[in-house]
N, C-alpha and C. Protein backbone atom coordinates (compact mmCIF):
# COMPACT_ATOMS: atom_id res chain seq x y z
N MET A 1 -13.15 7.77 15.31
CA MET A 1 -13.78 8.27 13.77
C MET A 1 -14.98 7.07 13.58
N ALA A 2 -16.15 7.60 13.24
CA ALA A 2 -17.48 6.95 12.91
C ALA A 2 -17.10 6.19 12.07
N SER A 3 -17.93 4.93 11.90
CA SER A 3 -17.69 3.70 11.00
C SER A 3 -17.75 4.47 9.41
N MET A 4 -16.86 3.57 8.78
CA MET A 4 -16.28 4.22 7.10
C MET A 4 -17.54 3.86 6.35
N LYS A 5 -18.16 2.61 6.67
CA LYS A 5 -19.41 2.23 5.80
C LYS A 5 -20.45 3.73 5.96
N ARG A 6 -21.02 3.28 4.75
CA ARG A 6 -21.94 4.48 4.60
C ARG A 6 -23.03 3.60 4.03
N LYS A 7 -24.30 4.04 4.58
CA LYS A 7 -25.67 3.73 4.33
C LYS A 7 -26.54 4.22 3.23
N ARG A 8 -27.21 4.10 2.51
CA ARG A 8 -28.05 4.75 1.60
C ARG A 8 -28.80 3.55 0.97
N GLU A 9 -29.91 4.27 0.22
CA GLU A 9 -30.79 3.63 -0.45
C GLU A 9 -30.47 2.67 -1.26
N SER A 10 -31.00 1.49 -1.45
CA SER A 10 -30.03 0.58 -2.78
C SER A 10 -30.93 0.89 -4.04
N SER A 11 -32.05 1.32 -3.99
CA SER A 11 -32.20 1.99 -4.98
C SER A 11 -33.17 3.06 -4.89
N PRO A 12 -33.48 3.72 -6.05
CA PRO A 12 -34.69 5.02 -5.90
C PRO A 12 -35.78 4.45 -5.22
N SER A 13 -36.38 3.36 -5.28
CA SER A 13 -37.59 3.07 -5.20
C SER A 13 -37.66 2.15 -3.64
N SER A 14 -36.20 2.04 -3.13
CA SER A 14 -36.61 0.81 -2.14
C SER A 14 -36.21 1.74 -1.06
N SER A 15 -36.87 1.22 0.36
CA SER A 15 -37.09 1.49 1.47
C SER A 15 -36.00 0.93 2.21
N SER A 16 -35.49 -0.03 2.03
CA SER A 16 -34.31 -0.87 2.89
C SER A 16 -32.95 0.33 2.68
N THR A 17 -32.29 0.05 3.52
CA THR A 17 -31.07 0.69 3.24
C THR A 17 -29.91 -0.28 2.92
N ARG A 18 -28.80 0.13 2.62
CA ARG A 18 -27.54 -1.06 2.27
C ARG A 18 -26.44 -0.50 2.74
N GLN A 19 -25.42 -1.43 3.24
CA GLN A 19 -24.44 -1.33 3.38
C GLN A 19 -22.64 -1.59 2.60
N TRP A 20 -22.32 -0.64 2.23
CA TRP A 20 -21.32 -0.25 1.50
C TRP A 20 -20.16 -1.25 1.74
N LYS A 21 -19.37 -2.25 1.09
CA LYS A 21 -18.42 -2.83 1.42
C LYS A 21 -16.99 -1.61 0.92
N TYR A 22 -17.73 -1.08 -0.37
CA TYR A 22 -16.30 -0.34 -0.76
C TYR A 22 -16.87 1.22 -1.00
N GLU A 23 -16.46 2.25 -0.49
CA GLU A 23 -16.94 3.58 -0.78
C GLU A 23 -16.42 3.72 -2.09
N VAL A 24 -15.55 3.49 -2.91
CA VAL A 24 -14.98 3.89 -3.95
C VAL A 24 -14.42 2.60 -4.96
N PHE A 25 -15.06 2.47 -6.19
CA PHE A 25 -14.48 1.52 -7.01
C PHE A 25 -13.30 2.50 -8.04
N LEU A 26 -12.19 2.02 -8.68
CA LEU A 26 -11.53 2.63 -9.23
C LEU A 26 -11.77 1.84 -10.84
N SER A 27 -12.03 2.41 -11.78
CA SER A 27 -12.37 1.63 -13.01
C SER A 27 -10.91 2.23 -13.77
N PHE A 28 -9.99 2.08 -14.25
CA PHE A 28 -8.72 2.26 -15.09
C PHE A 28 -8.33 1.15 -15.97
N ARG A 29 -7.62 1.76 -16.68
CA ARG A 29 -6.84 0.77 -17.92
C ARG A 29 -5.06 0.57 -17.26
N GLY A 30 -4.71 -0.38 -17.02
CA GLY A 30 -3.52 -0.55 -16.20
C GLY A 30 -2.22 0.03 -16.76
N GLU A 31 -2.36 -0.38 -17.98
CA GLU A 31 -0.64 -0.13 -18.93
C GLU A 31 -0.76 1.58 -19.15
N ASP A 32 -1.99 2.49 -18.76
CA ASP A 32 -1.92 3.73 -18.99
C ASP A 32 -1.71 4.80 -17.76
N THR A 33 -2.20 3.83 -16.48
CA THR A 33 -2.64 4.99 -15.54
C THR A 33 -1.95 4.11 -14.09
N ARG A 34 -1.61 2.85 -14.35
CA ARG A 34 -1.78 1.93 -12.72
C ARG A 34 -0.53 2.82 -12.07
N TYR A 35 0.62 2.83 -12.28
CA TYR A 35 1.65 3.00 -11.67
C TYR A 35 2.23 4.82 -12.02
N ASN A 36 0.93 5.35 -12.33
CA ASN A 36 0.96 6.87 -11.72
C ASN A 36 -0.41 7.52 -11.16
N PHE A 37 -1.07 7.95 -12.02
CA PHE A 37 -2.00 8.93 -11.47
C PHE A 37 -3.22 7.99 -10.84
N THR A 38 -3.12 6.61 -11.01
CA THR A 38 -4.43 6.04 -10.40
C THR A 38 -3.49 5.74 -8.96
N ASP A 39 -2.29 5.27 -9.19
CA ASP A 39 -1.87 4.94 -7.77
C ASP A 39 -1.58 6.49 -6.97
N HIS A 40 -1.82 7.24 -7.26
CA HIS A 40 -1.62 8.85 -6.80
C HIS A 40 -3.28 8.99 -6.25
N LEU A 41 -4.14 8.57 -6.93
CA LEU A 41 -5.74 8.61 -6.13
C LEU A 41 -6.02 8.02 -5.43
N CYS A 42 -5.30 6.72 -5.53
CA CYS A 42 -5.87 5.39 -4.68
C CYS A 42 -5.45 5.75 -3.14
N ALA A 43 -3.93 6.14 -3.28
CA ALA A 43 -3.52 6.30 -2.25
C ALA A 43 -3.98 7.86 -1.35
N ALA A 44 -4.62 8.62 -2.09
CA ALA A 44 -5.02 10.11 -1.66
C ALA A 44 -6.20 9.48 -1.25
N LEU A 45 -7.20 8.88 -1.31
CA LEU A 45 -8.46 8.23 -0.82
C LEU A 45 -7.78 7.65 0.01
N ARG A 46 -7.18 6.80 0.15
CA ARG A 46 -6.96 5.90 1.37
C ARG A 46 -6.26 6.60 2.61
N GLN A 47 -5.61 7.61 2.07
CA GLN A 47 -5.07 8.28 3.03
C GLN A 47 -5.94 9.34 3.47
N LYS A 48 -7.21 9.53 2.76
CA LYS A 48 -8.36 10.02 3.93
C LYS A 48 -9.33 9.29 4.16
N GLY A 49 -8.90 7.85 4.54
CA GLY A 49 -9.51 6.74 5.01
C GLY A 49 -11.03 6.45 4.11
N ILE A 50 -11.09 6.74 3.24
CA ILE A 50 -12.19 6.48 2.42
C ILE A 50 -11.73 4.75 1.23
N ILE A 51 -13.01 3.69 2.01
CA ILE A 51 -12.70 2.36 1.58
C ILE A 51 -12.49 2.36 -0.01
N THR A 52 -11.56 2.13 -0.46
CA THR A 52 -11.30 2.29 -2.33
C THR A 52 -11.13 0.71 -2.78
N PHE A 53 -11.61 0.08 -3.57
CA PHE A 53 -11.28 -0.98 -4.38
C PHE A 53 -10.52 -0.77 -5.65
N ARG A 54 -9.60 -0.96 -5.48
CA ARG A 54 -8.36 -0.98 -6.75
C ARG A 54 -8.23 -2.64 -7.34
N ASP A 55 -8.01 -2.74 -8.55
CA ASP A 55 -7.65 -4.08 -9.10
C ASP A 55 -6.26 -3.96 -8.87
N GLU A 56 -5.43 -4.39 -8.09
CA GLU A 56 -4.28 -4.32 -7.37
C GLU A 56 -3.27 -4.45 -9.00
N GLU A 57 -3.37 -5.48 -9.33
CA GLU A 57 -2.18 -6.35 -10.80
C GLU A 57 -3.25 -7.18 -11.70
N GLY A 58 -4.38 -6.71 -11.65
CA GLY A 58 -5.30 -7.50 -13.12
C GLY A 58 -5.48 -8.68 -11.95
N LEU A 59 -6.31 -9.59 -12.79
CA LEU A 59 -6.83 -10.68 -12.34
C LEU A 59 -5.85 -11.66 -12.12
N GLU A 60 -5.94 -12.65 -10.93
CA GLU A 60 -5.14 -13.71 -10.89
C GLU A 60 -5.73 -14.59 -11.96
N ARG A 61 -4.69 -15.57 -12.44
CA ARG A 61 -4.87 -16.59 -13.45
C ARG A 61 -6.04 -17.51 -12.75
N GLY A 62 -7.15 -17.78 -13.83
CA GLY A 62 -7.98 -19.03 -13.04
C GLY A 62 -9.20 -17.82 -12.36
N LYS A 63 -9.06 -16.65 -12.11
CA LYS A 63 -10.49 -15.81 -11.83
C LYS A 63 -10.88 -15.23 -12.85
N THR A 64 -12.32 -14.64 -12.33
CA THR A 64 -13.02 -14.35 -13.51
C THR A 64 -13.58 -12.86 -13.37
N ILE A 65 -13.83 -12.11 -14.12
CA ILE A 65 -14.43 -10.80 -14.54
C ILE A 65 -15.50 -10.66 -13.24
N SER A 66 -16.19 -11.53 -13.06
CA SER A 66 -17.17 -11.54 -12.08
C SER A 66 -16.53 -11.02 -10.60
N GLU A 67 -15.76 -11.44 -10.32
CA GLU A 67 -15.40 -10.79 -8.67
C GLU A 67 -15.09 -9.37 -8.95
N LEU A 68 -14.80 -8.55 -10.05
CA LEU A 68 -14.30 -7.43 -10.15
C LEU A 68 -16.46 -6.56 -10.16
N PHE A 69 -17.30 -7.60 -11.03
CA PHE A 69 -18.26 -7.20 -11.35
C PHE A 69 -19.26 -7.04 -9.63
N LYS A 70 -18.73 -8.09 -8.22
CA LYS A 70 -19.19 -8.04 -7.23
C LYS A 70 -18.42 -7.12 -6.69
N ALA A 71 -17.30 -6.26 -6.74
CA ALA A 71 -16.92 -5.29 -6.17
C ALA A 71 -17.75 -4.03 -6.72
N ILE A 72 -17.71 -3.99 -8.21
CA ILE A 72 -18.74 -2.80 -8.15
C ILE A 72 -19.83 -2.68 -8.10
N GLU A 73 -21.03 -3.60 -7.53
CA GLU A 73 -22.14 -3.97 -6.90
C GLU A 73 -21.89 -3.56 -5.37
N GLU A 74 -20.46 -3.59 -4.79
CA GLU A 74 -20.55 -3.69 -3.07
C GLU A 74 -20.22 -2.19 -3.27
N SER A 75 -20.14 -1.40 -4.59
CA SER A 75 -19.14 -0.12 -4.22
C SER A 75 -20.53 1.24 -4.08
N GLN A 76 -20.16 2.15 -3.35
CA GLN A 76 -21.20 3.49 -3.65
C GLN A 76 -20.78 4.38 -4.60
N PHE A 77 -19.81 4.53 -4.81
CA PHE A 77 -18.94 5.49 -6.01
C PHE A 77 -18.24 4.74 -6.78
N VAL A 78 -18.06 5.07 -8.44
CA VAL A 78 -16.54 4.78 -8.96
C VAL A 78 -16.34 5.81 -9.39
N ILE A 79 -15.22 6.07 -9.47
CA ILE A 79 -14.48 6.82 -10.63
C ILE A 79 -13.79 5.79 -11.97
N ILE A 80 -14.29 6.31 -12.91
CA ILE A 80 -13.46 5.91 -13.96
C ILE A 80 -12.42 6.78 -14.77
N ILE A 81 -11.24 6.23 -14.87
CA ILE A 81 -10.34 6.94 -15.20
C ILE A 81 -9.79 6.61 -16.73
N LEU A 82 -11.02 7.72 -17.80
CA LEU A 82 -10.43 7.04 -19.34
C LEU A 82 -9.36 7.76 -19.44
N SER A 83 -8.87 6.72 -20.09
CA SER A 83 -7.35 7.23 -20.64
C SER A 83 -7.28 6.76 -22.18
N LYS A 84 -6.55 6.79 -23.06
CA LYS A 84 -5.93 6.71 -24.46
C LYS A 84 -6.51 5.44 -24.82
N ASN A 85 -6.28 4.35 -23.86
CA ASN A 85 -6.63 3.13 -24.66
C ASN A 85 -7.23 2.32 -23.67
N TYR A 86 -8.13 3.00 -22.65
CA TYR A 86 -9.10 2.34 -22.03
C TYR A 86 -10.23 1.63 -22.59
N ALA A 87 -10.44 1.62 -24.26
CA ALA A 87 -11.26 1.36 -24.80
C ALA A 87 -11.01 0.16 -25.98
N SER A 88 -9.50 0.02 -25.56
CA SER A 88 -8.67 -0.92 -26.40
C SER A 88 -9.04 -2.24 -25.14
N SER A 89 -9.38 -2.19 -24.15
CA SER A 89 -9.26 -3.29 -23.25
C SER A 89 -11.15 -4.12 -23.58
N LYS A 90 -10.90 -5.23 -23.90
CA LYS A 90 -12.38 -5.86 -23.48
C LYS A 90 -12.83 -5.86 -22.01
N TRP A 91 -11.88 -6.09 -21.34
CA TRP A 91 -12.20 -6.03 -19.76
C TRP A 91 -12.71 -4.84 -18.78
N CYS A 92 -12.08 -3.51 -19.64
CA CYS A 92 -12.63 -2.41 -19.16
C CYS A 92 -13.90 -2.05 -19.69
N LEU A 93 -14.02 -2.90 -21.07
CA LEU A 93 -15.35 -1.92 -21.58
C LEU A 93 -16.54 -3.16 -20.92
N ASP A 94 -15.94 -4.46 -20.54
CA ASP A 94 -17.17 -5.43 -19.81
C ASP A 94 -17.68 -4.42 -18.42
N GLU A 95 -16.18 -3.96 -17.55
CA GLU A 95 -16.43 -3.60 -16.64
C GLU A 95 -17.28 -2.07 -16.70
N LEU A 96 -17.29 -1.60 -17.63
CA LEU A 96 -17.83 0.00 -17.61
C LEU A 96 -19.31 -0.42 -17.88
N THR A 97 -19.47 -1.62 -18.64
CA THR A 97 -20.87 -2.20 -18.97
C THR A 97 -21.55 -2.37 -17.36
N LYS A 98 -20.99 -2.93 -16.98
CA LYS A 98 -21.65 -3.50 -15.69
C LYS A 98 -21.78 -2.27 -14.72
N ILE A 99 -20.83 -1.40 -14.72
CA ILE A 99 -20.92 0.05 -13.97
C ILE A 99 -22.30 0.88 -14.48
N ILE A 100 -22.19 0.70 -15.73
CA ILE A 100 -23.35 1.65 -16.15
C ILE A 100 -24.80 1.01 -15.97
N LYS A 101 -24.76 -0.44 -15.56
CA LYS A 101 -26.04 -1.18 -15.65
C LYS A 101 -26.41 -0.93 -13.75
N CYS A 102 -25.28 -1.39 -12.96
CA CYS A 102 -25.78 -0.36 -11.74
C CYS A 102 -26.06 0.98 -11.47
N LYS A 103 -25.44 1.40 -12.34
CA LYS A 103 -25.58 3.06 -12.00
C LYS A 103 -27.33 3.30 -12.45
N GLU A 104 -27.99 2.28 -13.31
CA GLU A 104 -29.31 2.53 -13.56
C GLU A 104 -29.90 1.59 -12.81
N GLU A 105 -29.82 0.70 -12.19
CA GLU A 105 -30.37 0.07 -11.55
C GLU A 105 -30.36 0.35 -9.80
N THR A 106 -29.44 0.26 -9.31
CA THR A 106 -29.10 0.63 -7.82
C THR A 106 -29.19 2.29 -7.84
N GLY A 107 -28.58 3.02 -8.65
CA GLY A 107 -28.40 4.29 -8.20
C GLY A 107 -26.69 4.66 -8.07
N LEU A 108 -25.93 3.85 -8.36
CA LEU A 108 -24.72 4.05 -8.42
C LEU A 108 -24.08 4.99 -8.90
N ILE A 109 -23.34 5.99 -7.97
CA ILE A 109 -22.66 7.24 -8.24
C ILE A 109 -21.51 7.03 -9.40
N VAL A 110 -21.51 7.78 -10.30
CA VAL A 110 -20.76 7.35 -11.52
C VAL A 110 -19.76 8.65 -11.61
N LEU A 111 -18.11 8.94 -11.16
CA LEU A 111 -17.46 10.05 -11.40
C LEU A 111 -16.58 9.63 -12.46
N PRO A 112 -16.54 10.24 -13.77
CA PRO A 112 -15.47 10.10 -14.54
C PRO A 112 -14.17 11.12 -14.87
N ILE A 113 -12.93 10.54 -14.68
CA ILE A 113 -11.98 11.48 -15.20
C ILE A 113 -11.52 11.49 -16.50
N PHE A 114 -11.35 12.20 -17.30
CA PHE A 114 -10.63 12.44 -18.39
C PHE A 114 -9.06 12.85 -18.74
N TYR A 115 -8.58 11.52 -18.71
CA TYR A 115 -7.51 11.42 -18.30
C TYR A 115 -6.37 11.66 -19.74
N ASP A 116 -5.77 12.83 -20.10
CA ASP A 116 -5.17 13.42 -21.31
C ASP A 116 -6.03 12.62 -22.49
N VAL A 117 -7.35 12.50 -22.39
CA VAL A 117 -8.22 12.58 -23.52
C VAL A 117 -9.57 13.08 -23.63
N ASP A 118 -9.58 13.66 -24.50
CA ASP A 118 -10.65 14.89 -24.93
C ASP A 118 -11.99 13.84 -24.30
N PRO A 119 -13.08 14.36 -23.64
CA PRO A 119 -14.47 13.80 -23.54
C PRO A 119 -15.17 13.76 -24.98
N THR A 120 -14.81 14.84 -25.99
CA THR A 120 -15.46 14.26 -27.08
C THR A 120 -15.35 13.27 -27.99
N ASP A 121 -14.05 12.70 -27.84
CA ASP A 121 -13.15 11.67 -28.59
C ASP A 121 -13.78 10.52 -27.61
N VAL A 122 -13.87 10.54 -26.47
CA VAL A 122 -14.89 9.49 -25.89
C VAL A 122 -16.43 9.15 -26.41
N ARG A 123 -17.08 10.43 -26.38
CA ARG A 123 -18.45 10.70 -26.44
C ARG A 123 -18.77 10.18 -28.00
N LYS A 124 -17.94 10.86 -29.03
CA LYS A 124 -17.98 10.40 -30.62
C LYS A 124 -16.89 9.46 -30.80
N GLN A 125 -16.28 8.73 -30.20
CA GLN A 125 -15.84 7.69 -30.36
C GLN A 125 -14.59 7.86 -31.27
N THR A 126 -13.87 8.81 -30.89
CA THR A 126 -12.99 9.16 -32.47
C THR A 126 -11.35 8.93 -31.58
N GLY A 127 -10.44 9.19 -32.60
CA GLY A 127 -8.89 9.03 -32.11
C GLY A 127 -8.79 7.97 -31.60
N THR A 128 -8.07 7.33 -30.62
CA THR A 128 -7.68 6.10 -30.18
C THR A 128 -8.99 5.09 -29.82
N PHE A 129 -10.10 6.27 -29.26
CA PHE A 129 -11.49 5.10 -29.28
C PHE A 129 -11.88 4.32 -30.52
N GLU A 130 -11.65 5.52 -31.74
CA GLU A 130 -12.48 4.66 -32.94
C GLU A 130 -11.56 3.69 -33.50
N GLN A 131 -10.15 3.60 -33.25
CA GLN A 131 -9.48 2.45 -33.79
C GLN A 131 -9.70 1.57 -32.67
N ALA A 132 -9.92 1.37 -31.30
CA ALA A 132 -10.47 0.33 -30.41
C ALA A 132 -11.36 -0.24 -30.87
N PHE A 133 -12.29 0.55 -31.30
CA PHE A 133 -13.87 -0.16 -31.67
C PHE A 133 -13.90 -0.67 -33.53
N ILE A 134 -12.60 -0.43 -34.11
CA ILE A 134 -12.49 -0.81 -35.27
C ILE A 134 -11.97 -2.60 -34.98
N ASP A 135 -11.15 -2.73 -34.19
CA ASP A 135 -10.62 -3.85 -33.81
C ASP A 135 -11.70 -4.50 -33.48
N HIS A 136 -12.12 -3.94 -32.06
CA HIS A 136 -13.42 -4.87 -31.64
C HIS A 136 -14.24 -5.62 -32.68
N GLN A 137 -14.78 -4.93 -33.32
CA GLN A 137 -15.50 -5.03 -34.58
C GLN A 137 -15.53 -5.90 -35.41
N ASN A 138 -13.79 -5.83 -35.55
CA ASN A 138 -13.17 -7.12 -36.59
C ASN A 138 -13.05 -8.78 -35.64
N CYS A 139 -13.41 -8.57 -34.37
CA CYS A 139 -13.05 -9.59 -33.19
C CYS A 139 -14.33 -10.03 -32.85
N PHE A 140 -15.56 -9.28 -32.89
CA PHE A 140 -16.74 -9.57 -32.65
C PHE A 140 -17.71 -9.67 -33.58
N GLU A 141 -16.86 -9.91 -34.72
CA GLU A 141 -18.39 -9.83 -36.09
C GLU A 141 -19.53 -10.76 -35.73
N ASP A 142 -19.44 -11.97 -35.03
CA ASP A 142 -20.22 -12.50 -34.40
C ASP A 142 -21.16 -12.71 -33.42
N ASN A 143 -20.48 -11.19 -32.81
CA ASN A 143 -21.12 -10.42 -31.83
C ASN A 143 -21.14 -8.89 -31.77
N ILE A 144 -21.95 -8.55 -32.52
CA ILE A 144 -21.91 -7.28 -33.18
C ILE A 144 -22.24 -6.26 -32.11
N GLU A 145 -23.80 -7.31 -31.01
CA GLU A 145 -24.35 -6.48 -30.25
C GLU A 145 -23.18 -5.90 -29.27
N LYS A 146 -22.23 -6.89 -28.79
CA LYS A 146 -21.21 -6.58 -27.55
C LYS A 146 -20.84 -5.47 -27.86
N VAL A 147 -20.35 -5.25 -28.74
CA VAL A 147 -19.74 -4.09 -29.11
C VAL A 147 -20.44 -2.95 -29.16
N GLN A 148 -21.41 -3.15 -29.63
CA GLN A 148 -22.88 -1.95 -29.52
C GLN A 148 -23.09 -1.09 -27.95
N THR A 149 -23.28 -2.34 -27.33
CA THR A 149 -22.84 -2.16 -25.88
C THR A 149 -21.96 -1.26 -25.55
N TRP A 150 -20.88 -1.64 -25.83
CA TRP A 150 -19.79 -1.03 -24.98
C TRP A 150 -19.73 0.19 -25.75
N ARG A 151 -20.26 0.53 -26.76
CA ARG A 151 -20.27 1.84 -27.54
C ARG A 151 -21.16 2.70 -26.85
N ALA A 152 -21.76 2.25 -26.51
CA ALA A 152 -23.30 2.86 -25.88
C ALA A 152 -22.95 3.43 -24.10
N ALA A 153 -22.49 2.52 -23.64
CA ALA A 153 -21.77 2.43 -22.13
C ALA A 153 -20.69 3.75 -22.33
N LEU A 154 -20.18 3.87 -23.49
CA LEU A 154 -18.76 4.96 -23.05
C LEU A 154 -19.51 6.55 -23.51
N ARG A 155 -20.63 6.11 -24.62
CA ARG A 155 -21.20 7.34 -24.93
C ARG A 155 -22.14 7.98 -23.54
N GLU A 156 -22.68 7.06 -22.92
CA GLU A 156 -23.41 7.30 -21.47
C GLU A 156 -22.31 8.18 -20.47
N VAL A 157 -20.99 7.51 -20.24
CA VAL A 157 -19.95 7.86 -19.30
C VAL A 157 -19.42 9.33 -19.91
N ALA A 158 -19.40 9.36 -21.29
CA ALA A 158 -18.70 10.87 -22.08
C ALA A 158 -20.33 11.88 -21.79
N ASP A 159 -21.21 11.50 -21.13
CA ASP A 159 -22.34 12.60 -20.72
C ASP A 159 -22.49 12.99 -19.26
N ILE A 160 -21.67 12.32 -18.75
CA ILE A 160 -21.39 12.72 -17.23
C ILE A 160 -20.58 13.89 -17.15
N SER A 161 -20.92 14.59 -16.54
CA SER A 161 -20.08 16.07 -15.96
C SER A 161 -18.92 15.22 -14.94
N GLY A 162 -17.35 15.55 -15.63
CA GLY A 162 -16.79 15.02 -14.97
C GLY A 162 -15.04 15.84 -14.95
N TRP A 163 -14.21 15.27 -14.80
CA TRP A 163 -13.15 15.96 -14.73
C TRP A 163 -12.30 15.75 -15.94
N HIS A 164 -11.44 17.07 -16.54
CA HIS A 164 -10.75 16.89 -18.33
C HIS A 164 -9.48 17.19 -17.10
N LEU A 165 -8.18 16.13 -17.35
CA LEU A 165 -7.36 16.04 -17.21
C LEU A 165 -5.89 16.28 -18.06
N GLN A 166 -5.66 17.10 -18.57
CA GLN A 166 -4.34 16.97 -19.30
C GLN A 166 -3.25 17.25 -19.04
N ASN A 167 -2.38 16.21 -19.84
CA ASN A 167 -0.96 16.71 -19.20
C ASN A 167 -0.44 16.66 -17.74
N ARG A 168 -1.10 16.01 -16.90
CA ARG A 168 -0.69 15.95 -15.63
C ARG A 168 -0.59 14.48 -15.16
């Protein structure tokens, strides 16, 4: 079988090619999907020989989110599994912000899955997404720009054509 690492341009204007460490990075809220949908998706990707990064059990103590950011930068595709509690996690939202930045700067390909959530709730930040942002605004009163960045990242990913999975 040919090498699983694929080359592609590192940015729309770059003439150099880039070697990716991962073909797919999975972004998900562990408490919602780790032991069901995400497990099955990751296993299916790996069974097909697709080199997949998945944060196995959250970050170990002492490690930083920058290690996840590095894995995002080293990935060709990102699958974002947007679930009911995705927006309640500051870590997920920081990760999402990095994903959107890489999408804009390097052409990272983003594939959203709306898992048991309506894409409109993500885009308009209603339902559980609304409550999550009420909580974030209370916690980040002195850094409301961070909350606005998270909101913008969620709106942007909600505007990408993806898959809407209900009760699966």
